Amino acid sequence: MNRRTQLLRMIQKYDFALYDLMLYLDTHTGCQEALALFRKYKSQREKAIAEYTSRFGPLQAVHQQSEHEWDWGKGPYPWEKEAN
């Protein structure tokens, strides 16, 4: 498995875990263990997105980095076969 695919899968796993933790925290607002896990996974997700963006380009339009040109349109997009 190439690094691009590894990063995409890691980001998906963090997204799932974060969503699950958000649902849990909605009903267990004082759970410090869940809140710590949320912060940990959020930080790891941000690092994975930063690595993906620096190596392969923006994952979403909001991750585009260039101040001089719009680089989101430069493919292939993450969901296109050529990107994987």
N, C-alpha and C. Protein backbone atom coordinates (compact mmCIF):
# COMPACT_ATOMS: atom_id res chain seq x y z
N MET A 1 0.86 -1.18 0.00
CA MET A 1 0.00 0.00 0.00
C MET A 1 0.90 1.24 0.00
N ASN A 2 0.61 2.19 -0.87
CA ASN A 2 1.44 3.38 -0.95
C ASN A 2 1.10 4.38 0.16
N ARG A 3 1.96 5.34 0.35
CA ARG A 3 1.81 6.30 1.45
C ARG A 3 0.54 7.14 1.31
N ARG A 4 0.18 7.48 0.09
CA ARG A 4 -1.04 8.27 -0.14
C ARG A 4 -2.26 7.52 0.39
N THR A 5 -2.37 6.24 0.05
CA THR A 5 -3.49 5.43 0.51
C THR A 5 -3.45 5.25 2.02
N GLN A 6 -2.26 5.04 2.57
CA GLN A 6 -2.13 4.91 4.03
C GLN A 6 -2.65 6.16 4.73
N LEU A 7 -2.25 7.32 4.25
CA LEU A 7 -2.69 8.57 4.88
C LEU A 7 -4.20 8.76 4.76
N LEU A 8 -4.76 8.46 3.59
CA LEU A 8 -6.20 8.59 3.42
C LEU A 8 -6.95 7.68 4.39
N ARG A 9 -6.48 6.45 4.55
CA ARG A 9 -7.13 5.52 5.48
C ARG A 9 -6.98 5.97 6.93
N MET A 10 -5.81 6.49 7.27
CA MET A 10 -5.63 7.01 8.63
C MET A 10 -6.60 8.15 8.90
N ILE A 11 -6.72 9.06 7.97
CA ILE A 11 -7.63 10.20 8.12
C ILE A 11 -9.06 9.71 8.27
N GLN A 12 -9.45 8.73 7.49
CA GLN A 12 -10.79 8.17 7.60
C GLN A 12 -11.02 7.54 8.98
N LYS A 13 -10.02 6.85 9.50
CA LYS A 13 -10.14 6.23 10.83
C LYS A 13 -10.28 7.31 11.90
N TYR A 14 -9.49 8.36 11.79
CA TYR A 14 -9.60 9.45 12.77
C TYR A 14 -10.96 10.13 12.67
N ASP A 15 -11.46 10.33 11.45
CA ASP A 15 -12.79 10.93 11.27
C ASP A 15 -13.86 10.09 11.95
N PHE A 16 -13.79 8.77 11.77
CA PHE A 16 -14.77 7.88 12.38
C PHE A 16 -14.69 7.96 13.90
N ALA A 17 -13.47 7.87 14.43
CA ALA A 17 -13.29 7.90 15.88
C ALA A 17 -13.75 9.24 16.46
N LEU A 18 -13.43 10.33 15.78
CA LEU A 18 -13.84 11.64 16.27
C LEU A 18 -15.35 11.80 16.25
N TYR A 19 -16.00 11.31 15.21
CA TYR A 19 -17.45 11.41 15.15
C TYR A 19 -18.09 10.58 16.26
N ASP A 20 -17.58 9.38 16.48
CA ASP A 20 -18.09 8.52 17.54
C ASP A 20 -17.89 9.18 18.91
N LEU A 21 -16.74 9.77 19.12
CA LEU A 21 -16.47 10.45 20.39
C LEU A 21 -17.37 11.68 20.56
N MET A 22 -17.65 12.38 19.47
CA MET A 22 -18.57 13.54 19.57
C MET A 22 -19.94 13.09 20.04
N LEU A 23 -20.43 11.99 19.49
CA LEU A 23 -21.73 11.48 19.90
C LEU A 23 -21.71 11.10 21.38
N TYR A 24 -20.65 10.44 21.80
CA TYR A 24 -20.52 10.05 23.20
C TYR A 24 -20.46 11.27 24.11
N LEU A 25 -19.65 12.25 23.71
CA LEU A 25 -19.49 13.45 24.54
C LEU A 25 -20.77 14.28 24.61
N ASP A 26 -21.64 14.14 23.63
CA ASP A 26 -22.93 14.84 23.69
C ASP A 26 -23.74 14.39 24.89
N THR A 27 -23.58 13.15 25.30
CA THR A 27 -24.35 12.62 26.43
C THR A 27 -23.52 12.40 27.68
N HIS A 28 -22.21 12.52 27.57
CA HIS A 28 -21.29 12.34 28.70
C HIS A 28 -20.31 13.52 28.73
N THR A 29 -20.85 14.69 28.92
CA THR A 29 -20.06 15.92 28.77
C THR A 29 -18.90 16.05 29.76
N GLY A 30 -18.97 15.36 30.86
CA GLY A 30 -17.91 15.48 31.86
C GLY A 30 -16.86 14.39 31.79
N CYS A 31 -16.92 13.52 30.80
CA CYS A 31 -15.99 12.40 30.70
C CYS A 31 -14.62 12.89 30.22
N GLN A 32 -13.69 12.98 31.13
CA GLN A 32 -12.36 13.49 30.81
C GLN A 32 -11.57 12.54 29.92
N GLU A 33 -11.79 11.24 30.10
CA GLU A 33 -11.09 10.26 29.27
C GLU A 33 -11.50 10.40 27.80
N ALA A 34 -12.79 10.54 27.55
CA ALA A 34 -13.27 10.72 26.17
C ALA A 34 -12.79 12.04 25.59
N LEU A 35 -12.78 13.08 26.39
CA LEU A 35 -12.31 14.38 25.92
C LEU A 35 -10.82 14.33 25.58
N ALA A 36 -10.04 13.62 26.38
CA ALA A 36 -8.61 13.47 26.10
C ALA A 36 -8.40 12.69 24.79
N LEU A 37 -9.19 11.63 24.59
CA LEU A 37 -9.09 10.86 23.35
C LEU A 37 -9.47 11.72 22.15
N PHE A 38 -10.51 12.54 22.32
CA PHE A 38 -10.94 13.44 21.24
C PHE A 38 -9.80 14.38 20.85
N ARG A 39 -9.17 14.98 21.85
CA ARG A 39 -8.05 15.90 21.56
C ARG A 39 -6.89 15.16 20.88
N LYS A 40 -6.59 13.95 21.36
CA LYS A 40 -5.49 13.16 20.81
C LYS A 40 -5.75 12.83 19.33
N TYR A 41 -6.94 12.30 19.04
CA TYR A 41 -7.26 11.92 17.67
C TYR A 41 -7.37 13.13 16.76
N LYS A 42 -7.86 14.23 17.29
CA LYS A 42 -7.95 15.46 16.50
C LYS A 42 -6.56 15.93 16.10
N SER A 43 -5.62 15.89 17.04
CA SER A 43 -4.25 16.29 16.75
C SER A 43 -3.61 15.35 15.73
N GLN A 44 -3.82 14.05 15.88
CA GLN A 44 -3.25 13.08 14.94
C GLN A 44 -3.86 13.25 13.55
N ARG A 45 -5.15 13.55 13.49
CA ARG A 45 -5.82 13.78 12.21
C ARG A 45 -5.22 15.01 11.53
N GLU A 46 -5.02 16.08 12.29
CA GLU A 46 -4.44 17.30 11.73
C GLU A 46 -3.04 17.05 11.18
N LYS A 47 -2.25 16.24 11.88
CA LYS A 47 -0.90 15.91 11.40
C LYS A 47 -0.96 15.09 10.12
N ALA A 48 -1.87 14.13 10.07
CA ALA A 48 -2.02 13.31 8.86
C ALA A 48 -2.47 14.16 7.68
N ILE A 49 -3.39 15.08 7.91
CA ILE A 49 -3.84 15.97 6.84
C ILE A 49 -2.71 16.88 6.39
N ALA A 50 -1.92 17.38 7.33
CA ALA A 50 -0.79 18.24 6.97
C ALA A 50 0.22 17.48 6.12
N GLU A 51 0.50 16.23 6.49
CA GLU A 51 1.44 15.43 5.70
C GLU A 51 0.86 15.15 4.31
N TYR A 52 -0.40 14.77 4.26
CA TYR A 52 -1.04 14.50 2.97
C TYR A 52 -0.97 15.73 2.07
N THR A 53 -1.32 16.88 2.63
CA THR A 53 -1.35 18.12 1.86
C THR A 53 0.05 18.50 1.37
N SER A 54 1.04 18.34 2.21
CA SER A 54 2.40 18.71 1.79
C SER A 54 2.96 17.76 0.73
N ARG A 55 2.57 16.49 0.78
CA ARG A 55 3.11 15.50 -0.17
C ARG A 55 2.28 15.36 -1.44
N PHE A 56 0.96 15.48 -1.32
CA PHE A 56 0.10 15.13 -2.44
C PHE A 56 -0.86 16.23 -2.87
N GLY A 57 -0.86 17.34 -2.17
CA GLY A 57 -1.79 18.42 -2.50
C GLY A 57 -2.97 18.42 -1.55
N PRO A 58 -3.84 19.40 -1.71
CA PRO A 58 -4.95 19.55 -0.77
C PRO A 58 -5.94 18.39 -0.83
N LEU A 59 -6.37 17.98 0.34
CA LEU A 59 -7.36 16.91 0.48
C LEU A 59 -8.76 17.46 0.27
N GLN A 60 -8.97 18.68 0.72
CA GLN A 60 -10.22 19.40 0.53
C GLN A 60 -9.85 20.81 0.09
N ALA A 61 -10.81 21.50 -0.48
CA ALA A 61 -10.54 22.86 -0.95
C ALA A 61 -10.04 23.76 0.18
N VAL A 62 -10.50 23.56 1.39
CA VAL A 62 -10.07 24.41 2.51
C VAL A 62 -8.62 24.15 2.90
N HIS A 63 -8.00 23.09 2.36
CA HIS A 63 -6.60 22.79 2.67
C HIS A 63 -5.64 23.36 1.64
N GLN A 64 -6.14 24.05 0.65
CA GLN A 64 -5.26 24.61 -0.36
C GLN A 64 -4.30 25.59 0.31
N GLN A 65 -3.04 25.58 -0.12
CA GLN A 65 -2.01 26.31 0.61
C GLN A 65 -1.43 27.52 -0.11
N SER A 66 -1.46 27.53 -1.41
CA SER A 66 -0.81 28.59 -2.15
C SER A 66 -1.49 29.94 -1.91
N GLU A 67 -0.68 30.95 -1.68
CA GLU A 67 -1.22 32.30 -1.51
C GLU A 67 -1.32 33.02 -2.86
N HIS A 68 -0.71 32.44 -3.89
CA HIS A 68 -0.62 33.11 -5.18
C HIS A 68 -1.49 32.51 -6.26
N GLU A 69 -1.92 31.29 -6.05
CA GLU A 69 -2.79 30.65 -7.03
C GLU A 69 -3.69 29.64 -6.33
N TRP A 70 -4.79 29.33 -6.98
CA TRP A 70 -5.74 28.36 -6.45
C TRP A 70 -5.26 26.98 -6.87
N ASP A 71 -4.75 26.17 -5.93
CA ASP A 71 -4.17 24.87 -6.29
C ASP A 71 -5.11 23.70 -6.07
N TRP A 72 -6.33 23.95 -5.65
CA TRP A 72 -7.27 22.86 -5.44
C TRP A 72 -7.62 22.15 -6.75
N GLY A 73 -7.68 22.84 -7.83
CA GLY A 73 -8.09 22.27 -9.10
C GLY A 73 -7.03 21.42 -9.78
N LYS A 74 -5.83 21.42 -9.25
CA LYS A 74 -4.76 20.62 -9.85
C LYS A 74 -4.93 19.18 -9.38
N GLY A 75 -5.23 18.32 -10.30
CA GLY A 75 -5.54 16.94 -9.94
C GLY A 75 -4.33 16.08 -9.80
N PRO A 76 -4.57 14.84 -9.60
CA PRO A 76 -5.91 14.27 -9.48
C PRO A 76 -6.49 14.50 -8.08
N TYR A 77 -7.81 14.55 -8.03
CA TYR A 77 -8.48 14.70 -6.74
C TYR A 77 -8.33 13.43 -5.93
N PRO A 78 -8.40 13.51 -4.61
CA PRO A 78 -8.19 12.32 -3.77
C PRO A 78 -9.10 11.14 -4.11
N TRP A 79 -10.29 11.39 -4.62
CA TRP A 79 -11.22 10.31 -4.90
C TRP A 79 -11.10 9.74 -6.30
N GLU A 80 -10.25 10.33 -7.12
CA GLU A 80 -10.06 9.83 -8.48
C GLU A 80 -9.09 8.64 -8.49
N LYS A 81 -9.31 7.73 -9.41
CA LYS A 81 -8.51 6.53 -9.48
C LYS A 81 -7.02 6.84 -9.67
N GLU A 82 -6.71 7.88 -10.42
CA GLU A 82 -5.31 8.23 -10.68
C GLU A 82 -4.57 8.62 -9.39
N ALA A 83 -5.31 9.04 -8.37
CA ALA A 83 -4.67 9.47 -7.12
C ALA A 83 -4.29 8.30 -6.24
N ASN A 84 -4.81 7.15 -6.54
CA ASN A 84 -4.58 5.98 -5.66
C ASN A 84 -3.69 4.95 -6.27
